Amino acid sequence: MGRPPGARNKATLAAEQLLDGEAETITRKAIDMAKNGDLQAVRLCLERLLPARKERPVSIELPALNTPADAVAAAAAIVGAVAAGDLSPSEAVELSKAIEAFANIAAAADLAERVARLEIGVGSQFQFSDPNRIGRHRS
């Protein structure tokens, strides 16, 4: 069964109670130690001020994406950027996923539009007076 969702660990609660009201004093001490050259304190302060970035913005020239076919040129640009050292392979994978998603969405929208046009064209050739019948061709 375990702890209910949102329940807090007893050790965590105890630590929070010990630190309650002392956070400012401890923070000030760490900053003072960092200013006096304590490298561990410097690292601690920097980790809190500037947490490690998991991702970074990527700047790359890509062709305009208007149709699914445009994804081919975009993929080529991504591969070229990796080859030139402007993108890491993992960044290229993430960008490629976005390009692939665009291509799939654009292709689905294009297909839906084409089917709708076909249905309009075919529908005008059939008479749908009886809902139980699929249709009769007009003669």
Protein backbone atom coordinates (compact mmCIF):
# COMPACT_ATOMS: atom_id res chain seq x y z
CA MET A 1 0.00 0.00 0.00
CA GLY A 2 2.72 2.51 0.91
CA ARG A 3 2.48 6.19 1.67
CA PRO A 4 -0.45 8.14 0.28
CA PRO A 5 0.38 10.51 -2.59
CA GLY A 6 1.81 13.78 -1.34
CA ALA A 7 2.87 12.36 2.04
CA ARG A 8 6.31 13.59 3.07
CA ASN A 9 9.24 11.56 4.35
CA LYS A 10 9.83 11.92 8.12
CA ALA A 11 13.54 12.60 7.62
CA THR A 12 12.74 15.39 5.17
CA LEU A 13 10.26 16.93 7.57
CA ALA A 14 12.79 16.77 10.42
CA ALA A 15 15.52 18.39 8.28
CA GLU A 16 13.15 21.16 7.25
CA GLN A 17 12.30 21.85 10.89
CA LEU A 18 16.00 22.06 11.81
CA LEU A 19 16.68 24.49 8.95
CA ASP A 20 13.52 26.51 9.45
CA GLY A 21 14.53 30.05 10.22
CA GLU A 22 18.23 29.35 9.58
CA ALA A 23 18.17 29.32 5.78
CA GLU A 24 19.20 32.96 5.46
CA THR A 25 22.08 32.56 7.96
CA ILE A 26 23.34 29.40 6.22
CA THR A 27 23.07 31.01 2.79
CA ARG A 28 24.98 34.10 3.97
CA LYS A 29 27.71 31.85 5.47
CA ALA A 30 28.06 29.90 2.18
CA ILE A 31 28.37 33.15 0.25
CA ASP A 32 30.98 34.49 2.69
CA MET A 33 32.96 31.24 2.43
CA ALA A 34 32.79 31.43 -1.38
CA LYS A 35 34.05 35.01 -1.30
CA ASN A 36 36.98 33.86 0.85
CA GLY A 37 38.01 31.26 -1.73
CA ASP A 38 36.32 28.07 -0.48
CA LEU A 39 35.88 26.25 -3.80
CA GLN A 40 33.19 23.91 -2.46
CA ALA A 41 31.17 26.92 -1.32
CA VAL A 42 31.73 28.61 -4.71
CA ARG A 43 30.45 25.50 -6.48
CA LEU A 44 27.45 25.25 -4.15
CA CYS A 45 26.53 28.89 -4.71
CA LEU A 46 26.93 28.66 -8.49
CA GLU A 47 24.85 25.48 -8.66
CA ARG A 48 22.02 27.32 -6.94
CA LEU A 49 22.38 30.52 -8.95
CA LEU A 50 23.04 28.93 -12.34
CA PRO A 51 21.59 25.42 -12.49
CA ALA A 52 22.90 23.19 -15.28
CA ARG A 53 20.97 23.77 -18.49
CA LYS A 54 19.45 20.66 -19.91
CA GLU A 55 18.91 22.18 -23.33
CA ARG A 56 20.12 25.19 -25.21
CA PRO A 57 18.45 27.15 -27.98
CA VAL A 58 19.60 26.02 -31.41
CA SER A 59 20.14 28.49 -34.23
CA ILE A 60 20.16 26.93 -37.68
CA GLU A 61 18.98 28.11 -41.07
CA LEU A 62 16.19 25.85 -42.32
CA PRO A 63 14.18 26.19 -45.50
CA ALA A 64 10.54 27.19 -45.19
CA LEU A 65 8.24 24.31 -44.35
CA ASN A 66 5.01 24.56 -46.33
CA THR A 67 4.49 21.06 -47.69
CA PRO A 68 5.57 17.57 -46.64
CA ALA A 69 8.09 17.64 -49.50
CA ASP A 70 9.87 20.58 -47.84
CA ALA A 71 10.90 18.24 -45.02
CA VAL A 72 13.51 16.66 -47.32
CA ALA A 73 15.39 19.95 -47.72
CA ALA A 74 15.10 20.64 -43.98
CA ALA A 75 16.51 17.21 -43.14
CA ALA A 76 19.40 17.84 -45.54
CA ALA A 77 20.12 21.16 -43.80
CA ILE A 78 20.16 19.40 -40.41
CA VAL A 79 22.59 16.75 -41.65
CA GLY A 80 24.78 19.49 -43.12
CA ALA A 81 24.82 21.36 -39.81
CA VAL A 82 25.94 18.21 -37.98
CA ALA A 83 28.68 17.63 -40.57
CA ALA A 84 29.85 21.24 -40.15
CA GLY A 85 29.90 20.90 -36.37
CA ASP A 86 27.15 23.47 -35.84
CA LEU A 87 24.76 20.92 -34.29
CA SER A 88 25.40 17.94 -32.06
CA PRO A 89 23.95 14.61 -33.18
CA SER A 90 21.44 14.67 -30.30
CA GLU A 91 20.29 18.17 -31.28
CA ALA A 92 19.88 16.93 -34.84
CA VAL A 93 17.72 14.05 -33.64
CA GLU A 94 15.41 16.43 -31.75
CA LEU A 95 15.12 18.81 -34.71
CA SER A 96 14.48 15.88 -37.02
CA LYS A 97 11.60 14.79 -34.81
CA ALA A 98 10.04 18.24 -35.19
CA ILE A 99 10.51 18.11 -38.98
CA GLU A 100 8.99 14.62 -39.10
CA ALA A 101 6.01 15.74 -37.00
CA PHE A 102 5.43 18.67 -39.36
CA ALA A 103 5.63 16.40 -42.41
CA ASN A 104 3.16 13.92 -40.90
CA ILE A 105 0.70 16.63 -39.89
CA ALA A 106 0.94 18.37 -43.26
CA ALA A 107 0.49 15.06 -45.12
CA ALA A 108 -2.57 14.19 -43.01
CA ALA A 109 -4.10 17.61 -43.65
CA ASP A 110 -3.41 17.29 -47.38
CA LEU A 111 -4.99 13.83 -47.45
CA ALA A 112 -8.07 15.05 -45.59
CA GLU A 113 -8.48 17.91 -48.06
CA ARG A 114 -8.13 15.57 -51.05
CA VAL A 115 -10.67 13.09 -49.61
CA ALA A 116 -13.12 15.93 -48.96
CA ARG A 117 -12.78 17.10 -52.57
CA LEU A 118 -13.35 13.55 -53.83
CA GLU A 119 -16.41 13.13 -51.63
CA ILE A 120 -17.90 16.35 -52.96
CA GLY A 121 -17.26 15.25 -56.55
CA VAL A 122 -18.58 11.71 -56.06
CA GLY A 123 -21.49 12.84 -53.88
CA SER A 124 -22.92 14.97 -56.69
CA GLN A 125 -23.22 11.83 -58.85
CA PHE A 126 -25.36 9.96 -56.29
CA GLN A 127 -28.87 10.49 -55.00
CA PHE A 128 -29.26 9.83 -51.27
CA SER A 129 -33.04 9.79 -50.86
CA ASP A 130 -33.20 6.52 -48.88
CA PRO A 131 -30.88 6.58 -45.79
CA ASN A 132 -30.87 2.75 -45.72
CA ARG A 133 -29.27 2.52 -49.13
CA ILE A 134 -25.76 3.59 -49.95
CA GLY A 135 -26.92 5.41 -53.05
CA ARG A 136 -28.25 5.09 -56.53
CA HIS A 137 -26.48 6.41 -59.55
CA ARG A 138 -28.51 8.98 -61.42
CA SER A 139 -29.38 7.96 -64.93
